Amino acid sequence: MKKRVHVVAFSGSLRTGSYNSAMIRIAQQVCPENMTIEVFDLAPIPLFNEDLRQAGQPASVSELKERIAKADSLLIAVPEYNYSMSGVLKNAIDWASRPIDTSPLNDKPVAIMGAGGRLGTARAQYHFRQVAVFTNMHVMNRPEVFIAGAQDQFDEKGSPRSPEISERIKSLLIALADWTLRLGGQQGGENS
């Protein structure tokens, strides 16, 4: 029997009809049997402020960091705004990375995906990879999941118009499970 992998997933978009959030929901539906996916909502996370952190970080930030620490790996939907990742996503990573010596992001296996315009969030995903170098997250190289022309790929309820989208996300999750176990098994998750 394969070891279970517990994944915390979040979308860098707060929009109600977000295609990236839809990808997270699809991931929950198609994840392999040896994986559980817990979704974390980034909406309650305030803007990063070092003064606020030193005064005692907000409860929403503590919860984010605890969930990341307990997860074996992360699944992140990376939207693209102005050729880069969203401020929402960068803000969450900034909070989770402090203080650096106890950051739950350190050594964490990560899979990224995104739905957007003509390049399907390729530029934003590459910027995320740069941030991952500093935080020492281990982002999978392949498969890459870029959903281009997202407005035509999902219906009004956020369901994919083609089974190929679900298949690509499922392939990403199978690779994430293998990647997580290859990098040392469970990272302290609930199902260890």
C-alpha atoms as a PDB file:
ATOM      1  CA  MET A   1       0.000   0.000   0.000  1.00  0.00           C
ATOM      2  CA  LYS A   2       1.317   3.446  -0.910  1.00  0.00           C
ATOM      3  CA  LYS A   3       1.928   5.945   1.851  1.00  0.00           C
ATOM      4  CA  ARG A   4      -0.688   8.671   2.152  1.00  0.00           C
ATOM      5  CA  VAL A   5       0.327  12.191   1.231  1.00  0.00           C
ATOM      6  CA  HIS A   6      -1.483  15.136   2.839  1.00  0.00           C
ATOM      7  CA  VAL A   7      -1.509  18.250   0.646  1.00  0.00           C
ATOM      8  CA  VAL A   8      -2.516  21.782   1.577  1.00  0.00           C
ATOM      9  CA  ALA A   9      -3.771  23.666  -1.478  1.00  0.00           C
ATOM     10  CA  PHE A  10      -4.490  27.324  -2.043  1.00  0.00           C
ATOM     11  CA  SER A  11      -5.284  29.680  -4.867  1.00  0.00           C
ATOM     12  CA  GLY A  12      -3.618  33.048  -5.269  1.00  0.00           C
ATOM     13  CA  SER A  13      -6.913  34.534  -6.480  1.00  0.00           C
ATOM     14  CA  LEU A  14      -9.724  35.841  -4.287  1.00  0.00           C
ATOM     15  CA  ARG A  15     -12.224  36.294  -7.140  1.00  0.00           C
ATOM     16  CA  THR A  16     -15.435  34.319  -6.644  1.00  0.00           C
ATOM     17  CA  GLY A  17     -15.344  32.940 -10.192  1.00  0.00           C
ATOM     18  CA  SER A  18     -11.577  32.371 -10.233  1.00  0.00           C
ATOM     19  CA  TYR A  19     -10.354  29.790 -12.751  1.00  0.00           C
ATOM     20  CA  ASN A  20      -7.377  29.110 -10.480  1.00  0.00           C
ATOM     21  CA  SER A  21      -9.658  28.356  -7.541  1.00  0.00           C
ATOM     22  CA  ALA A  22     -11.658  26.104  -9.894  1.00  0.00           C
ATOM     23  CA  MET A  23      -8.429  24.183 -10.579  1.00  0.00           C
ATOM     24  CA  ILE A  24      -8.039  23.542  -6.838  1.00  0.00           C
ATOM     25  CA  ARG A  25     -11.598  22.171  -6.674  1.00  0.00           C
ATOM     26  CA  ILE A  26     -10.871  19.931  -9.657  1.00  0.00           C
ATOM     27  CA  ALA A  27      -7.726  18.688  -7.911  1.00  0.00           C
ATOM     28  CA  GLN A  28      -9.818  17.607  -4.924  1.00  0.00           C
ATOM     29  CA  GLN A  29     -12.045  15.592  -7.263  1.00  0.00           C
ATOM     30  CA  VAL A  30      -9.267  13.846  -9.197  1.00  0.00           C
ATOM     31  CA  CYS A  31      -6.563  13.310  -6.570  1.00  0.00           C
ATOM     32  CA  PRO A  32      -5.003   9.856  -6.359  1.00  0.00           C
ATOM     33  CA  GLU A  33      -6.168   7.411  -3.682  1.00  0.00           C
ATOM     34  CA  ASN A  34      -3.035   7.913  -1.592  1.00  0.00           C
ATOM     35  CA  MET A  35      -3.569  11.688  -1.342  1.00  0.00           C
ATOM     36  CA  THR A  36      -5.782  14.034   0.647  1.00  0.00           C
ATOM     37  CA  ILE A  37      -6.147  17.692  -0.314  1.00  0.00           C
ATOM     38  CA  GLU A  38      -7.082  20.316   2.252  1.00  0.00           C
ATOM     39  CA  VAL A  39      -7.942  23.763   0.853  1.00  0.00           C
ATOM     40  CA  PHE A  40      -6.816  26.894   2.692  1.00  0.00           C
ATOM     41  CA  ASP A  41      -8.482  30.244   1.943  1.00  0.00           C
ATOM     42  CA  LEU A  42      -6.004  33.137   1.741  1.00  0.00           C
ATOM     43  CA  ALA A  43      -8.719  35.845   2.014  1.00  0.00           C
ATOM     44  CA  PRO A  44      -8.329  36.431   5.799  1.00  0.00           C
ATOM     45  CA  ILE A  45      -4.540  36.955   5.573  1.00  0.00           C
ATOM     46  CA  PRO A  46      -3.758  40.675   6.158  1.00  0.00           C
ATOM     47  CA  LEU A  47      -1.086  42.565   4.249  1.00  0.00           C
ATOM     48  CA  PHE A  48       2.363  41.681   5.538  1.00  0.00           C
ATOM     49  CA  ASN A  49       3.729  44.144   8.084  1.00  0.00           C
ATOM     50  CA  GLU A  50       6.811  43.318  10.144  1.00  0.00           C
ATOM     51  CA  ASP A  51       5.509  45.476  13.003  1.00  0.00           C
ATOM     52  CA  LEU A  52       2.313  43.424  13.074  1.00  0.00           C
ATOM     53  CA  ARG A  53       4.303  40.171  13.021  1.00  0.00           C
ATOM     54  CA  GLN A  54       6.517  41.244  15.906  1.00  0.00           C
ATOM     55  CA  ALA A  55       3.498  42.402  17.927  1.00  0.00           C
ATOM     56  CA  GLY A  56       2.062  38.892  17.603  1.00  0.00           C
ATOM     57  CA  GLN A  57       1.038  37.563  14.215  1.00  0.00           C
ATOM     58  CA  PRO A  58      -2.669  37.447  13.340  1.00  0.00           C
ATOM     59  CA  ALA A  59      -4.562  34.199  14.009  1.00  0.00           C
ATOM     60  CA  SER A  60      -5.136  33.682  10.267  1.00  0.00           C
ATOM     61  CA  VAL A  61      -1.374  33.752   9.673  1.00  0.00           C
ATOM     62  CA  SER A  62      -0.718  31.335  12.539  1.00  0.00           C
ATOM     63  CA  GLU A  63      -3.298  28.976  11.043  1.00  0.00           C
ATOM     64  CA  LEU A  64      -1.697  29.214   7.589  1.00  0.00           C
ATOM     65  CA  LYS A  65       1.725  28.406   8.998  1.00  0.00           C
ATOM     66  CA  GLU A  66       0.382  25.510  11.094  1.00  0.00           C
ATOM     67  CA  ARG A  67      -1.418  23.985   8.100  1.00  0.00           C
ATOM     68  CA  ILE A  68       1.699  24.294   5.935  1.00  0.00           C
ATOM     69  CA  ALA A  69       3.845  22.743   8.682  1.00  0.00           C
ATOM     70  CA  LYS A  70       1.475  19.751   9.034  1.00  0.00           C
ATOM     71  CA  ALA A  71       1.232  19.204   5.272  1.00  0.00           C
ATOM     72  CA  ASP A  72       3.470  16.785   3.436  1.00  0.00           C
ATOM     73  CA  SER A  73       3.411  19.072   0.404  1.00  0.00           C
ATOM     74  CA  LEU A  74       1.666  22.059  -1.163  1.00  0.00           C
ATOM     75  CA  LEU A  75      -0.439  22.568  -4.281  1.00  0.00           C
ATOM     76  CA  ILE A  76      -0.632  26.197  -5.370  1.00  0.00           C
ATOM     77  CA  ALA A  77      -2.739  27.715  -8.145  1.00  0.00           C
ATOM     78  CA  VAL A  78      -0.729  30.689  -9.400  1.00  0.00           C
ATOM     79  CA  PRO A  79      -2.760  33.372 -11.208  1.00  0.00           C
ATOM     80  CA  GLU A  80      -0.959  35.932 -13.347  1.00  0.00           C
ATOM     81  CA  TYR A  81      -1.428  39.656 -12.819  1.00  0.00           C
ATOM     82  CA  ASN A  82       0.713  42.111 -14.805  1.00  0.00           C
ATOM     83  CA  TYR A  83       3.216  39.407 -15.865  1.00  0.00           C
ATOM     84  CA  SER A  84       3.756  38.144 -12.307  1.00  0.00           C
ATOM     85  CA  MET A  85       2.070  36.303  -9.450  1.00  0.00           C
ATOM     86  CA  SER A  86      -0.764  37.950  -7.571  1.00  0.00           C
ATOM     87  CA  GLY A  87      -0.152  40.145  -4.542  1.00  0.00           C
ATOM     88  CA  VAL A  88      -2.420  37.792  -2.574  1.00  0.00           C
ATOM     89  CA  LEU A  89      -0.113  34.844  -3.201  1.00  0.00           C
ATOM     90  CA  LYS A  90       3.120  36.774  -2.654  1.00  0.00           C
ATOM     91  CA  ASN A  91       1.702  38.182   0.591  1.00  0.00           C
ATOM     92  CA  ALA A  92       0.870  34.697   1.918  1.00  0.00           C
ATOM     93  CA  ILE A  93       4.365  33.469   1.078  1.00  0.00           C
ATOM     94  CA  ASP A  94       5.891  36.548   2.752  1.00  0.00           C
ATOM     95  CA  TRP A  95       3.981  35.800   5.967  1.00  0.00           C
ATOM     96  CA  ALA A  96       4.753  32.068   5.916  1.00  0.00           C
ATOM     97  CA  SER A  97       8.456  32.713   5.304  1.00  0.00           C
ATOM     98  CA  ARG A  98       8.967  34.722   8.526  1.00  0.00           C
ATOM     99  CA  PRO A  99      11.007  34.130  10.574  1.00  0.00           C
ATOM    100  CA  ILE A 100      13.132  32.384   7.981  1.00  0.00           C
ATOM    101  CA  ASP A 101      14.856  29.996  10.412  1.00  0.00           C
ATOM    102  CA  THR A 102      11.518  28.444  11.470  1.00  0.00           C
ATOM    103  CA  SER A 103       9.537  28.866   8.242  1.00  0.00           C
ATOM    104  CA  PRO A 104       7.252  25.917   7.465  1.00  0.00           C
ATOM    105  CA  LEU A 105       8.030  26.508   3.774  1.00  0.00           C
ATOM    106  CA  ASN A 106      11.611  25.293   4.215  1.00  0.00           C
ATOM    107  CA  ASP A 107      12.144  21.959   2.408  1.00  0.00           C
ATOM    108  CA  LYS A 108       8.451  21.717   1.456  1.00  0.00           C
ATOM    109  CA  PRO A 109       7.632  19.891  -1.810  1.00  0.00           C
ATOM    110  CA  VAL A 110       5.357  22.026  -4.015  1.00  0.00           C
ATOM    111  CA  ALA A 111       3.383  21.634  -7.233  1.00  0.00           C
ATOM    112  CA  ILE A 112       2.140  24.704  -9.078  1.00  0.00           C
ATOM    113  CA  MET A 113      -0.441  25.201 -11.795  1.00  0.00           C
ATOM    114  CA  GLY A 114      -2.382  28.087 -13.257  1.00  0.00           C
ATOM    115  CA  ALA A 115      -5.099  29.217 -15.620  1.00  0.00           C
ATOM    116  CA  GLY A 116      -5.000  32.553 -17.387  1.00  0.00           C
ATOM    117  CA  GLY A 117      -4.538  34.317 -20.697  1.00  0.00           C
ATOM    118  CA  ARG A 118      -2.511  33.414 -23.751  1.00  0.00           C
ATOM    119  CA  LEU A 119       0.414  31.907 -21.811  1.00  0.00           C
ATOM    120  CA  GLY A 120      -1.666  30.339 -19.051  1.00  0.00           C
ATOM    121  CA  THR A 121       0.247  32.001 -16.148  1.00  0.00           C
ATOM    122  CA  ALA A 122       3.687  30.859 -17.368  1.00  0.00           C
ATOM    123  CA  ARG A 123       5.376  34.126 -16.381  1.00  0.00           C
ATOM    124  CA  ALA A 124       3.759  34.129 -12.924  1.00  0.00           C
ATOM    125  CA  GLN A 125       4.785  30.521 -12.325  1.00  0.00           C
ATOM    126  CA  TYR A 126       8.387  31.324 -13.211  1.00  0.00           C
ATOM    127  CA  HIS A 127       8.351  34.275 -10.809  1.00  0.00           C
ATOM    128  CA  PHE A 128       6.967  31.963  -8.126  1.00  0.00           C
ATOM    129  CA  ARG A 129       9.886  29.610  -8.756  1.00  0.00           C
ATOM    130  CA  GLN A 130      12.304  32.499  -8.055  1.00  0.00           C
ATOM    131  CA  VAL A 131      10.637  33.153  -4.712  1.00  0.00           C
ATOM    132  CA  ALA A 132      10.797  29.425  -3.962  1.00  0.00           C
ATOM    133  CA  VAL A 133      14.590  29.540  -4.219  1.00  0.00           C
ATOM    134  CA  PHE A 134      14.823  31.972  -1.299  1.00  0.00           C
ATOM    135  CA  THR A 135      12.232  30.137   0.815  1.00  0.00           C
ATOM    136  CA  ASN A 136      13.844  26.762  -0.008  1.00  0.00           C
ATOM    137  CA  MET A 137      10.621  25.211  -1.285  1.00  0.00           C
ATOM    138  CA  HIS A 138      11.125  22.321  -3.705  1.00  0.00           C
ATOM    139  CA  VAL A 139       8.916  23.095  -6.702  1.00  0.00           C
ATOM    140  CA  MET A 140       8.396  20.197  -9.104  1.00  0.00           C
ATOM    141  CA  ASN A 141       9.733  20.798 -12.587  1.00  0.00           C
ATOM    142  CA  ARG A 142       7.304  18.568 -14.467  1.00  0.00           C
ATOM    143  CA  PRO A 143       4.613  18.254 -15.474  1.00  0.00           C
ATOM    144  CA  GLU A 144       3.908  21.925 -15.983  1.00  0.00           C
ATOM    145  CA  VAL A 145       0.232  22.857 -16.012  1.00  0.00           C
ATOM    146  CA  PHE A 146      -0.603  26.077 -17.838  1.00  0.00           C
ATOM    147  CA  ILE A 147      -4.242  26.477 -18.904  1.00  0.00           C
ATOM    148  CA  ALA A 148      -4.258  29.126 -21.639  1.00  0.00           C
ATOM    149  CA  GLY A 149      -7.409  30.972 -22.689  1.00  0.00           C
ATOM    150  CA  ALA A 150      -9.038  30.132 -19.362  1.00  0.00           C
ATOM    151  CA  GLN A 151     -12.230  32.050 -20.162  1.00  0.00           C
ATOM    152  CA  ASP A 152     -12.935  29.456 -22.868  1.00  0.00           C
ATOM    153  CA  GLN A 153     -11.745  26.412 -20.896  1.00  0.00           C
ATOM    154  CA  PHE A 154     -14.207  26.593 -17.983  1.00  0.00           C
ATOM    155  CA  ASP A 155     -17.979  26.992 -17.863  1.00  0.00           C
ATOM    156  CA  GLU A 156     -19.828  29.526 -15.698  1.00  0.00           C
ATOM    157  CA  LYS A 157     -19.692  27.129 -12.697  1.00  0.00           C
ATOM    158  CA  GLY A 158     -15.930  26.634 -12.987  1.00  0.00           C
ATOM    159  CA  SER A 159     -16.172  23.135 -14.450  1.00  0.00           C
ATOM    160  CA  PRO A 160     -13.711  22.248 -17.203  1.00  0.00           C
ATOM    161  CA  ARG A 161     -15.117  22.156 -20.722  1.00  0.00           C
ATOM    162  CA  SER A 162     -12.638  19.417 -21.669  1.00  0.00           C
ATOM    163  CA  PRO A 163     -11.624  16.269 -19.750  1.00  0.00           C
ATOM    164  CA  GLU A 164      -8.017  17.101 -20.694  1.00  0.00           C
ATOM    165  CA  ILE A 165      -7.869  19.740 -17.926  1.00  0.00           C
ATOM    166  CA  SER A 166      -8.806  17.213 -15.229  1.00  0.00           C
ATOM    167  CA  GLU A 167      -6.365  14.696 -16.697  1.00  0.00           C
ATOM    168  CA  ARG A 168      -3.511  17.234 -16.629  1.00  0.00           C
ATOM    169  CA  ILE A 169      -4.272  18.144 -13.018  1.00  0.00           C
ATOM    170  CA  LYS A 170      -4.450  14.468 -12.060  1.00  0.00           C
ATOM    171  CA  SER A 171      -1.058  13.843 -13.693  1.00  0.00           C
ATOM    172  CA  LEU A 172       0.356  16.747 -11.688  1.00  0.00           C
ATOM    173  CA  LEU A 173      -1.009  15.273  -8.451  1.00  0.00           C
ATOM    174  CA  ILE A 174       0.355  11.792  -9.158  1.00  0.00           C
ATOM    175  CA  ALA A 175       3.758  13.372  -9.785  1.00  0.00           C
ATOM    176  CA  LEU A 176       3.416  15.447  -6.586  1.00  0.00           C
ATOM    177  CA  ALA A 177       2.753  12.325  -4.513  1.00  0.00           C
ATOM    178  CA  ASP A 178       5.860  10.665  -5.974  1.00  0.00           C
ATOM    179  CA  TRP A 179       7.905  13.872  -5.572  1.00  0.00           C
ATOM    180  CA  THR A 180       6.871  14.214  -1.923  1.00  0.00           C
ATOM    181  CA  LEU A 181       7.832  10.639  -1.095  1.00  0.00           C
ATOM    182  CA  ARG A 182      11.086  10.887  -3.059  1.00  0.00           C
ATOM    183  CA  LEU A 183      12.115  13.975  -1.092  1.00  0.00           C
ATOM    184  CA  GLY A 184      11.898  12.122   2.185  1.00  0.00           C
ATOM    185  CA  GLY A 185       8.390  10.926   2.687  1.00  0.00           C
ATOM    186  CA  GLN A 186       5.995  12.718   4.915  1.00  0.00           C
ATOM    187  CA  GLN A 187       7.121  16.109   6.188  1.00  0.00           C
ATOM    188  CA  GLY A 188       5.208  15.863   9.455  1.00  0.00           C
ATOM    189  CA  GLY A 189       1.710  15.628   8.057  1.00  0.00           C
ATOM    190  CA  GLU A 190      -1.309  14.329   9.948  1.00  0.00           C
ATOM    191  CA  ASN A 191      -1.252  11.019   8.101  1.00  0.00           C
ATOM    192  CA  SER A 192       2.354  10.066   8.803  1.00  0.00           C
END
